[in-house]
C-alpha atoms as a PDB file:
ATOM      1  CA  UNK A   1      -0.112  -0.023   0.285  1.00  0.00           C
ATOM      2  CA  UNK A   2       1.086   3.663  -0.843  1.00  0.00           C
ATOM      3  CA  UNK A   3       0.258   6.635   1.237  1.00  0.00           C
ATOM      4  CA  UNK A   4       0.826  10.137   0.119  1.00  0.00           C
ATOM      5  CA  UNK A   5       1.556  12.438   2.586  1.00  0.00           C
ATOM      6  CA  UNK A   6       0.847  16.079   3.179  1.00  0.00           C
ATOM      7  CA  UNK A   7       4.248  16.963   2.271  1.00  0.00           C
ATOM      8  CA  UNK A   8       3.292  15.599  -1.410  1.00  0.00           C
ATOM      9  CA  UNK A   9       5.843  12.452  -0.249  1.00  0.00           C
ATOM     10  CA  UNK A  10       4.868   8.918  -0.630  1.00  0.00           C
ATOM     11  CA  UNK A  11       5.782   5.792   2.073  1.00  0.00           C
ATOM     12  CA  UNK A  12       5.072   2.173   2.045  1.00  0.00           C
ATOM     13  CA  UNK A  13       5.548  -0.167   5.077  1.00  0.00           C
ATOM     14  CA  UNK A  14       4.278  -3.774   5.200  1.00  0.00           C
ATOM     15  CA  UNK A  15       5.504  -5.891   8.673  1.00  0.00           C
ATOM     16  CA  UNK A  16       4.148  -9.596   8.004  1.00  0.00           C
ATOM     17  CA  UNK A  17       3.570 -11.080  12.053  1.00  0.00           C
ATOM     18  CA  UNK A  18       2.580 -14.879  11.886  1.00  0.00           C
ATOM     19  CA  UNK A  19       2.048 -15.300   8.294  1.00  0.00           C
ATOM     20  CA  UNK A  20      -0.712 -12.265   8.963  1.00  0.00           C
ATOM     21  CA  UNK A  21      -0.070  -9.546   7.564  1.00  0.00           C
ATOM     22  CA  UNK A  22      -0.381  -6.052   9.320  1.00  0.00           C
ATOM     23  CA  UNK A  23       0.028  -2.220   7.962  1.00  0.00           C
ATOM     24  CA  UNK A  24       2.567  -0.047   9.903  1.00  0.00           C
ATOM     25  CA  UNK A  25       2.633   2.900   8.492  1.00  0.00           C
ATOM     26  CA  UNK A  26       5.808   5.510   9.041  1.00  0.00           C
ATOM     27  CA  UNK A  27       4.839   8.781   8.918  1.00  0.00           C
ATOM     28  CA  UNK A  28       7.968   9.751   6.972  1.00  0.00           C
ATOM     29  CA  UNK A  29      10.123  12.800   6.946  1.00  0.00           C
ATOM     30  CA  UNK A  30      13.547  13.947   5.717  1.00  0.00           C
ATOM     31  CA  UNK A  31      14.129  18.179   6.477  1.00  0.00           C
ATOM     32  CA  UNK A  32      13.740  19.946   9.420  1.00  0.00           C
ATOM     33  CA  UNK A  33      10.260  22.086   7.846  1.00  0.00           C
ATOM     34  CA  UNK A  34       8.492  18.702   7.492  1.00  0.00           C
ATOM     35  CA  UNK A  35       9.232  17.917  10.744  1.00  0.00           C
ATOM     36  CA  UNK A  36       7.467  21.160  12.461  1.00  0.00           C
ATOM     37  CA  UNK A  37       5.331  20.920  10.271  1.00  0.00           C
ATOM     38  CA  UNK A  38       4.394  17.173  11.896  1.00  0.00           C
ATOM     39  CA  UNK A  39       4.648  18.685  15.549  1.00  0.00           C
ATOM     40  CA  UNK A  40       3.687  22.761  15.366  1.00  0.00           C
ATOM     41  CA  UNK A  41       0.946  24.244  14.455  1.00  0.00           C
ATOM     42  CA  UNK A  42       0.920  27.411  12.199  1.00  0.00           C
ATOM     43  CA  UNK A  43       0.594  29.905  14.821  1.00  0.00           C
ATOM     44  CA  UNK A  44       3.900  28.191  16.954  1.00  0.00           C
ATOM     45  CA  UNK A  45       5.704  28.000  13.057  1.00  0.00           C
ATOM     46  CA  UNK A  46       6.415  31.961  13.000  1.00  0.00           C
ATOM     47  CA  UNK A  47       7.312  31.350  17.002  1.00  0.00           C
ATOM     48  CA  UNK A  48      10.943  30.552  16.836  1.00  0.00           C
ATOM     49  CA  UNK A  49      10.842  30.432  20.940  1.00  0.00           C
ATOM     50  CA  UNK A  50       8.844  27.359  20.502  1.00  0.00           C
ATOM     51  CA  UNK A  51       9.925  25.652  17.138  1.00  0.00           C
ATOM     52  CA  UNK A  52      12.852  27.094  16.281  1.00  0.00           C
ATOM     53  CA  UNK A  53      15.959  24.658  16.364  1.00  0.00           C
ATOM     54  CA  UNK A  54      17.465  25.815  19.304  1.00  0.00           C
ATOM     55  CA  UNK A  55      14.025  25.984  21.376  1.00  0.00           C
ATOM     56  CA  UNK A  56      13.255  23.163  23.890  1.00  0.00           C
ATOM     57  CA  UNK A  57       8.952  23.717  24.349  1.00  0.00           C
ATOM     58  CA  UNK A  58       9.308  19.715  26.439  1.00  0.00           C
ATOM     59  CA  UNK A  59      12.161  21.252  28.591  1.00  0.00           C
ATOM     60  CA  UNK A  60      14.363  17.751  27.619  1.00  0.00           C
ATOM     61  CA  UNK A  61      17.389  19.528  27.378  1.00  0.00           C
ATOM     62  CA  UNK A  62      17.504  18.661  23.447  1.00  0.00           C
ATOM     63  CA  UNK A  63      16.622  21.243  21.760  1.00  0.00           C
ATOM     64  CA  UNK A  64      14.349  20.728  18.509  1.00  0.00           C
ATOM     65  CA  UNK A  65      17.066  20.001  15.668  1.00  0.00           C
ATOM     66  CA  UNK A  66      18.119  17.165  18.468  1.00  0.00           C
ATOM     67  CA  UNK A  67      14.642  16.048  19.221  1.00  0.00           C
ATOM     68  CA  UNK A  68      14.092  16.364  14.582  1.00  0.00           C
ATOM     69  CA  UNK A  69      17.522  14.195  14.079  1.00  0.00           C
ATOM     70  CA  UNK A  70      16.242  11.143  16.732  1.00  0.00           C
ATOM     71  CA  UNK A  71      13.102  11.659  15.292  1.00  0.00           C
ATOM     72  CA  UNK A  72      11.670  12.585  18.604  1.00  0.00           C
ATOM     73  CA  UNK A  73       8.819  14.215  19.316  1.00  0.00           C
ATOM     74  CA  UNK A  74       9.116  17.378  20.536  1.00  0.00           C
ATOM     75  CA  UNK A  75       6.389  17.842  22.816  1.00  0.00           C
ATOM     76  CA  UNK A  76       6.979  14.842  25.051  1.00  0.00           C
ATOM     77  CA  UNK A  77      10.714  14.844  27.245  1.00  0.00           C
ATOM     78  CA  UNK A  78      12.890  11.921  26.438  1.00  0.00           C
ATOM     79  CA  UNK A  79      12.201   8.867  28.357  1.00  0.00           C
ATOM     80  CA  UNK A  80      14.591   6.881  27.382  1.00  0.00           C
ATOM     81  CA  UNK A  81      17.375   9.799  28.207  1.00  0.00           C
ATOM     82  CA  UNK A  82      20.119  11.179  25.791  1.00  0.00           C
ATOM     83  CA  UNK A  83      20.250  10.077  21.880  1.00  0.00           C
ATOM     84  CA  UNK A  84      23.781   9.385  21.985  1.00  0.00           C
ATOM     85  CA  UNK A  85      25.805   6.835  23.390  1.00  0.00           C
ATOM     86  CA  UNK A  86      29.766   5.495  24.035  1.00  0.00           C
ATOM     87  CA  UNK A  87      30.499   2.568  23.231  1.00  0.00           C
ATOM     88  CA  UNK A  88      33.971   0.350  22.681  1.00  0.00           C
ATOM     89  CA  UNK A  89      33.873  -2.696  19.492  1.00  0.00           C
ATOM     90  CA  UNK A  90      36.017  -4.283  18.285  1.00  0.00           C
ATOM     91  CA  UNK A  91      38.680  -2.273  19.796  1.00  0.00           C
ATOM     92  CA  UNK A  92      37.810   0.903  18.448  1.00  0.00           C
ATOM     93  CA  UNK A  93      35.873   3.613  20.559  1.00  0.00           C
ATOM     94  CA  UNK A  94      32.531   4.699  18.938  1.00  0.00           C
ATOM     95  CA  UNK A  95      29.827   7.172  19.605  1.00  0.00           C
ATOM     96  CA  UNK A  96      26.466   5.994  18.677  1.00  0.00           C
ATOM     97  CA  UNK A  97      23.426   7.810  18.340  1.00  0.00           C
ATOM     98  CA  UNK A  98      20.370   7.506  16.883  1.00  0.00           C
ATOM     99  CA  UNK A  99      19.161   9.335  13.495  1.00  0.00           C
ATOM    100  CA  UNK A 100      15.240   9.534  12.050  1.00  0.00           C
ATOM    101  CA  UNK A 101      15.287   7.429   8.918  1.00  0.00           C
ATOM    102  CA  UNK A 102      15.441  10.549   6.277  1.00  0.00           C
ATOM    103  CA  UNK A 103      16.756  12.706   7.831  1.00  0.00           C
ATOM    104  CA  UNK A 104      18.939  14.951   5.517  1.00  0.00           C
ATOM    105  CA  UNK A 105      19.143  18.433   6.560  1.00  0.00           C
ATOM    106  CA  UNK A 106      21.652  18.305   9.483  1.00  0.00           C
ATOM    107  CA  UNK A 107      25.462  17.621   9.863  1.00  0.00           C
ATOM    108  CA  UNK A 108      27.374  15.587  12.447  1.00  0.00           C
ATOM    109  CA  UNK A 109      30.579  16.369  13.356  1.00  0.00           C
ATOM    110  CA  UNK A 110      32.542  14.847  15.818  1.00  0.00           C
ATOM    111  CA  UNK A 111      34.495  16.615  18.684  1.00  0.00           C
ATOM    112  CA  UNK A 112      37.084  16.160  21.505  1.00  0.00           C
ATOM    113  CA  UNK A 113      38.626  18.493  23.870  1.00  0.00           C
ATOM    114  CA  UNK A 114      41.596  17.656  27.019  1.00  0.00           C
ATOM    115  CA  UNK A 115      38.803  18.967  28.764  1.00  0.00           C
ATOM    116  CA  UNK A 116      35.238  20.728  29.336  1.00  0.00           C
ATOM    117  CA  UNK A 117      36.870  23.987  29.120  1.00  0.00           C
ATOM    118  CA  UNK A 118      35.419  26.455  26.072  1.00  0.00           C
ATOM    119  CA  UNK A 119      37.259  27.009  23.406  1.00  0.00           C
ATOM    120  CA  UNK A 120      39.598  23.238  23.458  1.00  0.00           C
ATOM    121  CA  UNK A 121      37.145  21.370  20.989  1.00  0.00           C
ATOM    122  CA  UNK A 122      38.660  20.402  17.634  1.00  0.00           C
ATOM    123  CA  UNK A 123      36.904  19.178  15.230  1.00  0.00           C
ATOM    124  CA  UNK A 124      37.519  15.825  13.622  1.00  0.00           C
ATOM    125  CA  UNK A 125      36.652  14.835  10.279  1.00  0.00           C
ATOM    126  CA  UNK A 126      34.304  11.494  10.233  1.00  0.00           C
ATOM    127  CA  UNK A 127      32.024   9.159   8.380  1.00  0.00           C
ATOM    128  CA  UNK A 128      28.705   8.641  10.158  1.00  0.00           C
ATOM    129  CA  UNK A 129      28.383   4.636   9.771  1.00  0.00           C
ATOM    130  CA  UNK A 130      24.880   3.165   9.885  1.00  0.00           C
ATOM    131  CA  UNK A 131      24.627   0.749  12.342  1.00  0.00           C
ATOM    132  CA  UNK A 132      21.241  -1.165  12.556  1.00  0.00           C
ATOM    133  CA  UNK A 133      17.664  -0.552  13.502  1.00  0.00           C
ATOM    134  CA  UNK A 134      16.935   0.893  16.215  1.00  0.00           C
ATOM    135  CA  UNK A 135      13.278   1.428  16.632  1.00  0.00           C
ATOM    136  CA  UNK A 136      11.144   1.421  13.297  1.00  0.00           C
ATOM    137  CA  UNK A 137      11.884   4.020  11.348  1.00  0.00           C
ATOM    138  CA  UNK A 138      14.793   4.989  13.752  1.00  0.00           C
ATOM    139  CA  UNK A 139      18.447   3.914  12.072  1.00  0.00           C
ATOM    140  CA  UNK A 140      21.382   3.698  14.673  1.00  0.00           C
ATOM    141  CA  UNK A 141      24.256   5.176  13.571  1.00  0.00           C
ATOM    142  CA  UNK A 142      27.764   5.132  14.728  1.00  0.00           C
ATOM    143  CA  UNK A 143      31.109   7.251  14.462  1.00  0.00           C
ATOM    144  CA  UNK A 144      34.637   6.164  14.607  1.00  0.00           C
ATOM    145  CA  UNK A 145      36.300   7.800  17.488  1.00  0.00           C
ATOM    146  CA  UNK A 146      40.059   8.370  16.907  1.00  0.00           C
ATOM    147  CA  UNK A 147      42.749   6.865  19.477  1.00  0.00           C
ATOM    148  CA  UNK A 148      44.673   9.806  21.988  1.00  0.00           C
ATOM    149  CA  UNK A 149      47.662   9.967  23.254  1.00  0.00           C
ATOM    150  CA  UNK A 150      45.790  12.386  26.322  1.00  0.00           C
ATOM    151  CA  UNK A 151      45.487  10.052  29.537  1.00  0.00           C
ATOM    152  CA  UNK A 152      41.595  11.485  29.050  1.00  0.00           C
ATOM    153  CA  UNK A 153      39.716  12.988  26.468  1.00  0.00           C
ATOM    154  CA  UNK A 154      35.957  14.097  26.082  1.00  0.00           C
ATOM    155  CA  UNK A 155      33.944  13.513  22.931  1.00  0.00           C
ATOM    156  CA  UNK A 156      31.284  15.243  21.960  1.00  0.00           C
ATOM    157  CA  UNK A 157      28.638  15.635  18.440  1.00  0.00           C
ATOM    158  CA  UNK A 158      27.845  18.833  16.900  1.00  0.00           C
ATOM    159  CA  UNK A 159      24.912  18.579  15.202  1.00  0.00           C
ATOM    160  CA  UNK A 160      23.906  21.644  12.807  1.00  0.00           C
ATOM    161  CA  UNK A 161      21.285  22.945  10.037  1.00  0.00           C
ATOM    162  CA  UNK A 162      23.644  23.573   7.412  1.00  0.00           C
END
């Protein structure tokens, strides 16, 4: 079954469970404006303090641009904590994060620092890798963190809208 969304894009998704067909509708969006239109009213869209990329209408600490990237509802505080985590795999340090499938209008930049003091962050060129599906419509992504001679190293992902 093919569905046409209000923005004109199309989405199809089916899931077979125990031999029965079950339709799962995934209201996919690919850019920030589509995401805003899904969650905010016309008056709210005109108010950057509510619908702007830096706004946090649910007060969970994730600004709207991160909510868009993670595929979260900006009006419902994140129940599962941060959408970013650190792990070690195959002798390599990684930062993992959730990304709504199809999100194409954000830039992800890894930054490292030997301290948390301002102005000490260094940009590191990375290529995000899809490592699986975290949930329906949500990709699990990861970026490799380079080794460091520093005894301690802080990492963060900087997310921007070009």
